Amino acid sequence: MTAKSAVPRGSTTETPPGGGTRPAWLVLALACACQFMVILDSSIVNVALPSVDRDLGFSPAGLAWVVNGYLLAFAGFMLLGGRAADLFGHRRTLAAGILLFSASSLAGGLATVPAVLVAARVAQGLGAALLAPATLAVINTGFAAGRERARAFGAWSAAGGVGGTAGAVAGGALTTGLSWRWVFLINVPIGAVLVAVALAALPGARTGRREPLDLAGAATGTAGLAALIYGVMHGTDHGWTSPAVAGPAAAGLLLLAAFVLVEARFAARPMMPPRLLRVRGVAAGNGMLLLFGGIAIAMWYFTSLFLQDVLGYGALRAGLGQTPAAVTFVVTARRAAGLLPRTGVRPLILAGCAAFLAGFGWLSQAGGGSAYLTGILGPTLLIAVGIGLTFPTLMAATTASVPEDDAGTIGGLAQTASQVGGSVGLAVLTTAAGTATRAAGYERVFLIAAGLALALALTSLLLPHRGRG
């Protein structure tokens, strides 16, 4: 394994203490385990919510914040977390993120009142916002461009897919067999192991002249993202023109406009350097990740709801019904990683979009009388192939061809784009589904997802012709 060695003077660099090297498999295992834990925690809590509500006595609006508090902090602070990784070192940021995530998990598992649990979930989101972009930076700087890095991205993507699918099953098992508290407490021993591995596997940080944090950019960017996502989250419940939605969304857009102005005109060392967005792959890749976020939501979230609302499955059975697709995604993601250095980015994305169009088109024909094998399994396997082809390819393309010292920033930007796309996609698709009858609503969702896939294919034409990971 080789790593980049050119380091601009005055930046934070990562060098192994004593000049030693670290096994590539250990670095990759750490990155994959962190990604698994972050994505798992996004879904594992959902199954436990009824038990949480019975024990702690949440209000209906308050219970939603057990989920929304995590997602809001995660998406809102990820760009800042990526910049922190570049300024303070990948190992420090990753370890700090794991420690915060684990400590807040302990607080959540021991919570006896709703306010403590919600605060713990917000802190968990902050921890995830530190460690998630750091895992991408570790891969982007620790593996040579080409086959090594592509395979690492494939494994990282597969770990996230397994975490998302395992959430429902693991949450149900822990809640039923032990208590809802173990949905949170299980992160504590896992986090302790991951911190130890991070300190052993990653090179230590040697700091030269430390760059100051862009406080104005951090404030406007983070607040803008948080306000925008907060407004979008309430679109389904309150209506898109209500003050509860339009006010925060408008404030978020204004703050993001201020963020762009600060970064372009006033910041001496911007948190999000505008020069990075002039890199063709970065700009086009992040636009595609926004679209991909909506496609992924349509697959995993709305297919699960379809199995329960239309076909009458229970939550556990619905999770098991999505397991073949999850396995297909994992296998395909690993295969795509091997193909990427030979084919380049665009052919894999176009092939994935073709699978999306066929799969969502097929799935839109399903109804209350559909059989699982022919109405659900077949199309979801096709869509899973599409996700496996596109997601690791997009991440590799978006984070390629950028300076090593900006790896964390680009990782944070890429994951922010995906999360914002998912949040907006969830709100828009939920609204679209709610304006029709039950089965017709899901048909509309799946057809919109097919349209997003077509837009994704067209946007891929903006990528460099032979872009690679």
Protein backbone atom coordinates (compact mmCIF):
# COMPACT_ATOMS: atom_id res chain seq x y z
CA MET A 1 0.00 0.00 0.00
CA THR A 2 1.27 3.49 -0.80
CA ALA A 3 0.13 6.87 0.34
CA LYS A 4 0.59 10.39 -0.94
CA SER A 5 3.71 12.06 0.38
CA ALA A 6 3.60 15.62 -0.94
CA VAL A 7 2.46 17.88 1.88
CA PRO A 8 2.14 21.67 1.57
CA ARG A 9 4.21 23.61 4.06
CA GLY A 10 2.37 24.89 7.10
CA SER A 11 -0.38 22.28 7.06
CA THR A 12 -1.30 19.55 9.49
CA THR A 13 0.34 16.31 8.36
CA GLU A 14 -0.02 12.73 9.45
CA THR A 15 3.17 10.79 10.11
CA PRO A 16 3.59 7.51 11.91
CA PRO A 17 5.40 7.85 15.24
CA GLY A 18 8.82 6.34 14.81
CA GLY A 19 8.31 6.06 11.07
CA GLY A 20 6.37 2.79 11.24
CA THR A 21 3.70 1.68 8.81
CA ARG A 22 0.23 0.38 9.52
CA PRO A 23 -1.40 -2.68 7.94
CA ALA A 24 -3.79 -1.66 5.19
CA TRP A 25 -6.41 -4.17 6.32
CA LEU A 26 -6.51 -2.65 9.81
CA VAL A 27 -7.01 0.89 8.49
CA LEU A 28 -9.76 -0.31 6.15
CA ALA A 29 -11.43 -2.38 8.88
CA LEU A 30 -11.50 0.69 11.13
CA ALA A 31 -13.05 2.90 8.43
CA CYS A 32 -15.65 0.25 7.60
CA ALA A 33 -16.54 -0.36 11.25
CA CYS A 34 -17.04 3.37 11.86
CA GLN A 35 -19.23 3.70 8.78
CA PHE A 36 -21.24 0.64 9.85
CA MET A 37 -21.82 2.10 13.32
CA VAL A 38 -22.88 5.52 12.00
CA ILE A 39 -25.37 4.15 9.47
CA LEU A 40 -26.63 1.47 11.86
CA ASP A 41 -27.49 4.14 14.41
CA SER A 42 -29.51 6.04 11.82
CA SER A 43 -31.98 3.15 11.59
CA ILE A 44 -31.65 0.95 14.67
CA VAL A 45 -33.60 3.36 16.90
CA ASN A 46 -36.75 3.33 14.76
CA VAL A 47 -37.92 -0.10 15.91
CA ALA A 48 -37.35 0.83 19.57
CA LEU A 49 -39.42 4.05 19.49
CA PRO A 50 -42.69 2.53 20.83
CA SER A 51 -40.84 1.09 23.83
CA VAL A 52 -39.00 4.38 24.40
CA ASP A 53 -42.32 6.21 24.33
CA ARG A 54 -43.90 3.85 26.89
CA ASP A 55 -40.99 4.17 29.33
CA LEU A 56 -40.22 7.89 29.10
CA GLY A 57 -43.59 9.38 28.18
CA PHE A 58 -42.77 11.42 25.09
CA SER A 59 -45.25 13.71 23.41
CA PRO A 60 -45.99 12.77 19.75
CA ALA A 61 -43.92 15.71 18.48
CA GLY A 62 -41.14 15.06 20.99
CA LEU A 63 -40.75 11.41 20.02
CA ALA A 64 -39.91 12.38 16.45
CA TRP A 65 -36.89 14.29 17.76
CA VAL A 66 -35.28 11.06 18.94
CA VAL A 67 -34.71 10.48 15.21
CA ASN A 68 -34.66 14.04 13.90
CA GLY A 69 -32.21 15.33 16.50
CA TYR A 70 -29.60 12.82 15.35
CA LEU A 71 -30.16 13.41 11.64
CA LEU A 72 -30.20 17.20 11.98
CA ALA A 73 -26.89 17.37 13.87
CA PHE A 74 -25.32 14.72 11.63
CA ALA A 75 -26.11 16.51 8.36
CA GLY A 76 -25.70 20.04 9.69
CA PHE A 77 -22.22 19.62 11.18
CA MET A 78 -20.63 17.19 8.71
CA LEU A 79 -18.93 19.87 6.62
CA LEU A 80 -17.43 21.35 9.78
CA GLY A 81 -16.37 17.86 10.86
CA GLY A 82 -14.58 17.34 7.56
CA ARG A 83 -12.69 20.61 7.93
CA ALA A 84 -11.74 19.68 11.50
CA ALA A 85 -10.20 16.47 10.19
CA ASP A 86 -7.99 18.47 7.82
CA LEU A 87 -6.94 21.00 10.48
CA PHE A 88 -6.44 18.77 13.50
CA GLY A 89 -5.53 15.44 11.93
CA HIS A 90 -7.58 12.45 10.85
CA ARG A 91 -6.69 10.29 13.85
CA ARG A 92 -7.57 12.97 16.41
CA THR A 93 -10.84 13.82 14.74
CA LEU A 94 -11.85 10.20 14.26
CA ALA A 95 -11.03 9.32 17.88
CA ALA A 96 -12.84 12.42 19.17
CA GLY A 97 -15.90 11.55 17.09
CA ILE A 98 -15.99 7.98 18.39
CA LEU A 99 -15.57 9.14 22.00
CA LEU A 100 -18.39 11.69 21.69
CA PHE A 101 -20.61 9.16 19.92
CA SER A 102 -19.98 6.50 22.59
CA ALA A 103 -20.37 8.87 25.56
CA SER A 104 -23.65 10.23 24.22
CA SER A 105 -24.83 6.66 23.57
CA LEU A 106 -24.18 5.91 27.24
CA ALA A 107 -26.15 9.01 28.24
CA GLY A 108 -29.02 7.99 25.95
CA GLY A 109 -29.10 4.45 27.31
CA LEU A 110 -29.28 5.74 30.88
CA ALA A 111 -31.80 8.54 30.18
CA THR A 112 -34.82 8.72 32.46
CA VAL A 113 -36.53 11.80 30.95
CA PRO A 114 -37.23 12.72 27.31
CA ALA A 115 -35.05 15.86 27.27
CA VAL A 116 -31.92 13.88 28.20
CA LEU A 117 -32.50 11.31 25.48
CA VAL A 118 -33.06 13.98 22.80
CA ALA A 119 -29.93 15.85 23.92
CA ALA A 120 -27.98 12.59 23.80
CA ARG A 121 -29.21 11.95 20.25
CA VAL A 122 -28.09 15.42 19.16
CA ALA A 123 -24.67 14.75 20.68
CA GLN A 124 -24.56 11.41 18.88
CA GLY A 125 -25.18 13.25 15.62
CA LEU A 126 -22.32 15.62 16.39
CA GLY A 127 -20.02 12.67 17.05
CA ALA A 128 -21.09 11.04 13.80
CA ALA A 129 -20.47 14.32 11.95
CA LEU A 130 -16.86 14.22 13.17
CA LEU A 131 -16.08 10.61 12.46
CA ALA A 132 -17.95 10.05 9.15
CA PRO A 133 -15.91 12.46 6.97
CA ALA A 134 -12.74 11.38 8.78
CA THR A 135 -13.29 7.80 7.60
CA LEU A 136 -13.47 9.02 3.99
CA ALA A 137 -10.32 11.09 4.50
CA VAL A 138 -8.52 8.05 5.93
CA ILE A 139 -9.37 6.05 2.81
CA ASN A 140 -8.56 8.87 0.39
CA THR A 141 -5.13 9.53 1.91
CA GLY A 142 -4.23 6.01 3.00
CA PHE A 143 -4.78 4.14 -0.25
CA ALA A 144 -3.18 4.82 -3.61
CA ALA A 145 -5.42 6.11 -6.40
CA GLY A 146 -6.68 3.37 -8.68
CA ARG A 147 -7.44 -0.21 -7.73
CA GLU A 148 -6.46 0.04 -4.04
CA ARG A 149 -8.61 3.07 -3.32
CA ALA A 150 -11.53 1.81 -5.41
CA ARG A 151 -11.61 -1.47 -3.50
CA ALA A 152 -11.43 0.42 -0.20
CA PHE A 153 -14.39 2.60 -1.21
CA GLY A 154 -16.30 -0.52 -2.24
CA ALA A 155 -15.77 -2.10 1.18
CA TRP A 156 -16.66 1.15 2.96
CA SER A 157 -19.88 1.50 0.96
CA ALA A 158 -20.81 -2.13 1.60
CA ALA A 159 -20.29 -1.64 5.35
CA GLY A 160 -22.75 1.25 5.32
CA GLY A 161 -25.29 -0.82 3.39
CA VAL A 162 -25.04 -3.66 5.86
CA GLY A 163 -25.42 -1.21 8.76
CA GLY A 164 -28.56 0.33 7.30
CA THR A 165 -30.22 -3.01 6.70
CA ALA A 166 -29.12 -4.55 9.98
CA GLY A 167 -30.64 -1.65 11.92
CA ALA A 168 -34.22 -2.88 11.83
CA VAL A 169 -33.31 -6.47 12.68
CA ALA A 170 -30.81 -5.55 15.41
CA GLY A 171 -33.13 -2.94 16.91
CA GLY A 172 -35.98 -5.43 17.10
CA ALA A 173 -33.79 -8.14 18.60
CA LEU A 174 -32.23 -5.89 21.26
CA THR A 175 -35.53 -4.27 22.21
CA THR A 176 -37.37 -7.60 22.44
CA GLY A 177 -34.60 -9.65 24.06
CA LEU A 178 -33.14 -7.06 26.44
CA SER A 179 -34.42 -3.47 26.50
CA TRP A 180 -34.59 -0.44 24.23
CA ARG A 181 -31.70 0.95 26.29
CA TRP A 182 -29.34 -1.57 24.69
CA VAL A 183 -29.96 0.02 21.31
CA PHE A 184 -27.75 2.81 22.70
CA LEU A 185 -25.60 0.97 25.26
CA ILE A 186 -24.28 -1.49 22.66
CA ASN A 187 -22.27 1.40 21.15
CA VAL A 188 -20.21 1.89 24.31
CA PRO A 189 -18.02 -1.26 24.18
CA ILE A 190 -17.86 -1.05 20.38
CA GLY A 191 -16.70 2.55 20.62
CA ALA A 192 -14.01 1.69 23.17
CA VAL A 193 -12.58 -0.93 20.82
CA LEU A 194 -12.69 1.44 17.83
CA VAL A 195 -10.87 4.21 19.72
CA ALA A 196 -8.11 1.77 20.62
CA VAL A 197 -7.87 0.58 17.02
CA ALA A 198 -7.84 4.17 15.71
CA LEU A 199 -4.94 5.10 17.99
CA ALA A 200 -3.04 1.97 16.96
CA ALA A 201 -3.86 1.87 13.24
CA LEU A 202 -3.70 5.50 12.16
CA PRO A 203 -0.54 7.62 12.01
CA GLY A 204 -0.25 10.35 14.59
CA ALA A 205 -0.56 14.03 13.75
CA ARG A 206 2.51 16.19 13.58
CA THR A 207 1.48 19.82 13.46
CA GLY A 208 3.40 22.61 11.82
CA ARG A 209 1.84 26.05 11.53
CA ARG A 210 -1.79 25.49 12.46
CA GLU A 211 -4.39 27.17 10.26
CA PRO A 212 -7.13 28.99 12.21
CA LEU A 213 -10.66 27.71 11.90
CA ASP A 214 -12.87 29.84 9.65
CA LEU A 215 -15.37 30.82 12.35
CA ALA A 216 -17.61 32.94 10.11
CA GLY A 217 -17.80 30.18 7.51
CA ALA A 218 -18.37 27.53 10.18
CA ALA A 219 -21.21 29.54 11.74
CA THR A 220 -23.03 30.44 8.52
CA GLY A 221 -22.51 27.06 6.83
CA THR A 222 -23.51 24.94 9.80
CA ALA A 223 -26.47 27.11 10.80
CA GLY A 224 -27.63 27.32 7.19
CA LEU A 225 -27.60 23.57 6.67
CA ALA A 226 -29.29 22.93 10.01
CA ALA A 227 -32.04 25.51 9.37
CA LEU A 228 -32.70 24.26 5.83
CA ILE A 229 -32.94 20.62 6.93
CA TYR A 230 -35.10 21.58 9.92
CA GLY A 231 -37.58 23.32 7.64
CA VAL A 232 -37.63 20.48 5.12
CA MET A 233 -38.23 17.93 7.89
CA HIS A 234 -41.51 19.68 8.76
CA GLY A 235 -42.76 20.01 5.19
CA THR A 236 -44.98 16.94 5.33
CA ASP A 237 -46.59 17.74 8.67
CA HIS A 238 -47.20 21.48 8.31
CA GLY A 239 -47.38 22.13 4.56
CA TRP A 240 -44.66 23.69 2.44
CA THR A 241 -46.01 27.23 2.67
CA SER A 242 -46.55 27.29 6.45
CA PRO A 243 -44.32 29.56 8.58
CA ALA A 244 -42.93 26.49 10.40
CA VAL A 245 -41.43 25.32 7.09
CA ALA A 246 -40.95 28.42 4.96
CA GLY A 247 -39.33 30.43 7.78
CA PRO A 248 -36.49 28.02 8.66
CA ALA A 249 -35.98 27.03 5.00
CA ALA A 250 -35.70 30.66 3.89
CA ALA A 251 -33.36 31.44 6.79
CA GLY A 252 -31.25 28.42 5.86
CA LEU A 253 -30.97 29.51 2.22
CA LEU A 254 -30.01 33.05 3.27
CA LEU A 255 -27.36 31.72 5.66
CA LEU A 256 -25.97 29.42 2.96
CA ALA A 257 -25.81 32.39 0.56
CA ALA A 258 -23.90 34.28 3.26
CA PHE A 259 -21.63 31.24 3.65
CA VAL A 260 -20.79 31.28 -0.07
CA LEU A 261 -20.05 35.02 0.11
CA VAL A 262 -17.85 34.63 3.19
CA GLU A 263 -15.90 31.78 1.64
CA ALA A 264 -15.42 33.53 -1.70
CA ARG A 265 -14.69 37.08 -0.54
CA PHE A 266 -13.79 37.43 3.12
CA ALA A 267 -12.32 34.26 4.65
CA ALA A 268 -8.52 34.24 4.66
CA ARG A 269 -8.51 30.44 4.97
CA PRO A 270 -12.04 29.31 4.07
CA MET A 271 -13.65 26.24 5.61
CA MET A 272 -14.86 25.26 2.13
CA PRO A 273 -12.30 26.64 -0.32
CA PRO A 274 -14.12 27.74 -3.52
CA ARG A 275 -11.24 26.35 -5.61
CA LEU A 276 -12.41 22.83 -4.70
CA LEU A 277 -15.77 23.38 -6.39
CA ARG A 278 -13.91 24.34 -9.57
CA VAL A 279 -12.69 20.74 -9.75
CA ARG A 280 -15.07 19.20 -12.28
CA GLY A 281 -15.45 15.88 -10.52
CA VAL A 282 -16.14 17.53 -7.13
CA ALA A 283 -18.87 19.84 -8.45
CA ALA A 284 -20.63 17.25 -10.63
CA GLY A 285 -20.14 14.47 -8.08
CA ASN A 286 -21.78 16.38 -5.26
CA GLY A 287 -24.71 17.31 -7.49
CA MET A 288 -25.14 13.63 -8.30
CA LEU A 289 -24.95 12.68 -4.62
CA LEU A 290 -27.86 15.04 -3.94
CA LEU A 291 -29.92 13.13 -6.52
CA PHE A 292 -28.68 9.79 -5.22
CA GLY A 293 -29.89 10.62 -1.70
CA GLY A 294 -33.48 10.75 -2.95
CA ILE A 295 -33.07 7.49 -4.87
CA ALA A 296 -31.72 5.67 -1.82
CA ILE A 297 -34.60 6.94 0.35
CA ALA A 298 -37.11 5.73 -2.25
CA MET A 299 -35.55 2.28 -2.17
CA TRP A 300 -34.91 1.50 1.49
CA TYR A 301 -37.48 3.66 3.30
CA PHE A 302 -40.47 3.53 0.97
CA THR A 303 -40.04 -0.12 0.02
CA SER A 304 -40.13 -1.01 3.70
CA LEU A 305 -43.29 1.07 4.14
CA PHE A 306 -44.86 -0.55 1.08
CA LEU A 307 -44.27 -4.02 2.51
CA GLN A 308 -45.96 -2.98 5.76
CA ASP A 309 -48.73 -0.62 4.59
CA VAL A 310 -49.78 -2.35 1.39
CA LEU A 311 -48.79 -6.01 1.81
CA GLY A 312 -49.40 -6.13 5.57
CA TYR A 313 -45.94 -7.28 6.71
CA GLY A 314 -44.72 -6.71 10.26
CA ALA A 315 -41.61 -4.59 10.86
CA LEU A 316 -39.29 -7.58 11.33
CA ARG A 317 -40.68 -9.42 8.31
CA ALA A 318 -40.31 -6.27 6.21
CA GLY A 319 -36.68 -5.99 7.29
CA LEU A 320 -36.06 -9.59 6.34
CA GLY A 321 -37.83 -8.96 3.03
CA GLN A 322 -35.21 -6.33 2.19
CA THR A 323 -32.28 -8.55 3.18
CA PRO A 324 -31.76 -10.10 -0.30
CA ALA A 325 -31.48 -6.61 -1.76
CA ALA A 326 -28.99 -5.63 0.94
CA VAL A 327 -26.83 -8.66 0.18
CA THR A 328 -27.03 -7.85 -3.53
CA PHE A 329 -25.91 -4.30 -2.82
CA VAL A 330 -22.90 -5.47 -0.79
CA VAL A 331 -21.79 -7.94 -3.48
CA THR A 332 -22.29 -5.43 -6.28
CA ALA A 333 -20.45 -2.64 -4.45
CA ARG A 334 -17.40 -4.85 -4.03
CA ARG A 335 -17.58 -5.89 -7.68
CA ALA A 336 -17.95 -2.28 -8.85
CA ALA A 337 -14.83 -1.36 -6.88
CA GLY A 338 -12.86 -3.88 -8.91
CA LEU A 339 -14.28 -2.62 -12.20
CA LEU A 340 -13.81 1.10 -11.58
CA PRO A 341 -10.08 1.33 -12.36
CA ARG A 342 -10.68 -0.39 -15.72
CA THR A 343 -13.95 1.19 -16.86
CA GLY A 344 -13.83 4.67 -15.33
CA VAL A 345 -16.72 6.37 -13.57
CA ARG A 346 -19.29 7.10 -16.26
CA PRO A 347 -19.99 3.56 -17.56
CA LEU A 348 -20.68 2.26 -14.05
CA ILE A 349 -23.00 5.16 -13.24
CA LEU A 350 -24.91 4.76 -16.51
CA ALA A 351 -25.26 1.02 -15.91
CA GLY A 352 -26.52 1.74 -12.38
CA CYS A 353 -29.05 4.27 -13.68
CA ALA A 354 -30.33 1.71 -16.20
CA ALA A 355 -30.88 -0.69 -13.29
CA PHE A 356 -32.71 2.07 -11.38
CA LEU A 357 -35.03 2.83 -14.30
CA ALA A 358 -35.88 -0.84 -14.83
CA GLY A 359 -36.25 -1.59 -11.11
CA PHE A 360 -38.37 1.41 -10.14
CA GLY A 361 -40.47 1.06 -13.28
CA TRP A 362 -41.18 -2.56 -12.35
CA LEU A 363 -41.78 -1.72 -8.69
CA SER A 364 -44.30 0.99 -9.59
CA GLN A 365 -46.57 -1.75 -10.95
CA ALA A 366 -46.81 -3.51 -7.57
CA GLY A 367 -50.09 -3.35 -5.64
CA GLY A 368 -51.97 -4.95 -2.81
CA GLY A 369 -52.29 -8.27 -4.64
CA SER A 370 -48.65 -8.52 -5.69
CA ALA A 371 -46.60 -11.59 -4.79
CA TYR A 372 -43.31 -10.95 -3.00
CA LEU A 373 -41.15 -12.89 -5.45
CA THR A 374 -42.43 -11.30 -8.64
CA GLY A 375 -43.66 -7.92 -7.41
CA ILE A 376 -41.04 -6.94 -4.81
CA LEU A 377 -37.97 -9.17 -4.83
CA GLY A 378 -37.20 -8.87 -8.54
CA PRO A 379 -37.32 -5.06 -8.79
CA THR A 380 -35.57 -4.45 -5.46
CA LEU A 381 -32.70 -6.69 -6.53
CA LEU A 382 -32.35 -4.59 -9.70
CA ILE A 383 -32.39 -1.35 -7.69
CA ALA A 384 -29.83 -2.78 -5.26
CA VAL A 385 -27.55 -3.53 -8.22
CA GLY A 386 -27.93 0.11 -9.25
CA ILE A 387 -27.04 1.36 -5.76
CA GLY A 388 -24.05 -0.97 -5.59
CA LEU A 389 -22.76 0.33 -8.93
CA THR A 390 -23.32 4.03 -8.30
CA PHE A 391 -22.69 4.80 -4.62
CA PRO A 392 -19.04 3.72 -4.23
CA THR A 393 -18.33 5.03 -7.73
CA LEU A 394 -19.76 8.46 -6.88
CA MET A 395 -17.83 8.64 -3.61
CA ALA A 396 -14.59 7.67 -5.35
CA ALA A 397 -15.15 10.16 -8.18
CA THR A 398 -16.13 13.03 -5.87
CA THR A 399 -13.14 12.66 -3.57
CA ALA A 400 -10.53 11.98 -6.29
CA SER A 401 -8.14 14.59 -7.72
CA VAL A 402 -8.13 16.83 -4.63
CA PRO A 403 -5.15 17.80 -2.45
CA GLU A 404 -4.47 15.50 0.48
CA ASP A 405 -4.87 18.36 2.95
CA ASP A 406 -8.48 18.85 1.75
CA ALA A 407 -9.47 15.17 1.99
CA GLY A 408 -11.56 15.67 5.12
CA THR A 409 -13.33 18.74 3.72
CA ILE A 410 -14.23 16.93 0.51
CA GLY A 411 -15.37 13.87 2.49
CA GLY A 412 -17.60 16.08 4.64
CA LEU A 413 -19.01 17.83 1.57
CA ALA A 414 -19.75 14.53 -0.17
CA GLN A 415 -21.54 13.04 2.81
CA THR A 416 -23.41 16.30 3.42
CA ALA A 417 -24.67 16.26 -0.17
CA SER A 418 -25.91 12.70 0.22
CA GLN A 419 -27.60 13.43 3.56
CA VAL A 420 -29.25 16.65 2.35
CA GLY A 421 -30.45 14.82 -0.76
CA GLY A 422 -31.95 12.13 1.44
CA SER A 423 -33.65 14.62 3.77
CA VAL A 424 -35.14 16.68 0.94
CA GLY A 425 -36.03 13.50 -0.96
CA LEU A 426 -37.82 12.05 2.06
CA ALA A 427 -39.91 15.20 2.54
CA VAL A 428 -40.78 15.58 -1.15
CA LEU A 429 -41.56 11.90 -1.72
CA THR A 430 -43.65 11.70 1.45
CA THR A 431 -45.65 14.69 0.27
CA ALA A 432 -46.10 13.11 -3.17
CA ALA A 433 -47.26 9.85 -1.64
CA GLY A 434 -49.70 11.60 0.70
CA THR A 435 -51.60 13.33 -2.11
CA ALA A 436 -52.85 10.01 -3.54
CA THR A 437 -54.47 6.83 -2.31
CA ARG A 438 -52.21 4.36 -0.55
CA ALA A 439 -51.12 2.13 -3.46
CA ALA A 440 -51.20 5.00 -5.97
CA GLY A 441 -49.02 7.06 -3.62
CA TYR A 442 -46.26 4.45 -3.66
CA GLU A 443 -46.55 4.17 -7.45
CA ARG A 444 -45.94 7.92 -7.67
CA VAL A 445 -42.93 7.69 -5.35
CA PHE A 446 -41.29 4.97 -7.41
CA LEU A 447 -41.90 6.81 -10.68
CA ILE A 448 -40.36 9.98 -9.23
CA ALA A 449 -37.35 7.89 -8.19
CA ALA A 450 -37.06 6.67 -11.78
CA GLY A 451 -37.06 10.32 -12.86
CA LEU A 452 -34.25 11.07 -10.40
CA ALA A 453 -32.28 8.19 -11.92
CA LEU A 454 -32.70 9.71 -15.37
CA ALA A 455 -31.46 13.07 -14.04
CA LEU A 456 -28.51 11.26 -12.44
CA ALA A 457 -27.60 9.67 -15.78
CA LEU A 458 -27.72 13.03 -17.56
CA THR A 459 -25.60 14.72 -14.87
CA SER A 460 -22.97 11.99 -15.21
CA LEU A 461 -22.18 13.39 -18.66
CA LEU A 462 -20.55 16.34 -16.87
CA LEU A 463 -17.95 14.09 -15.26
CA PRO A 464 -14.51 13.68 -16.80
CA HIS A 465 -14.73 11.01 -19.48
CA ARG A 466 -12.26 8.64 -17.82
CA GLY A 467 -12.67 9.71 -14.21
CA ARG A 468 -11.40 7.06 -11.82
CA GLY A 469 -11.21 6.48 -8.09
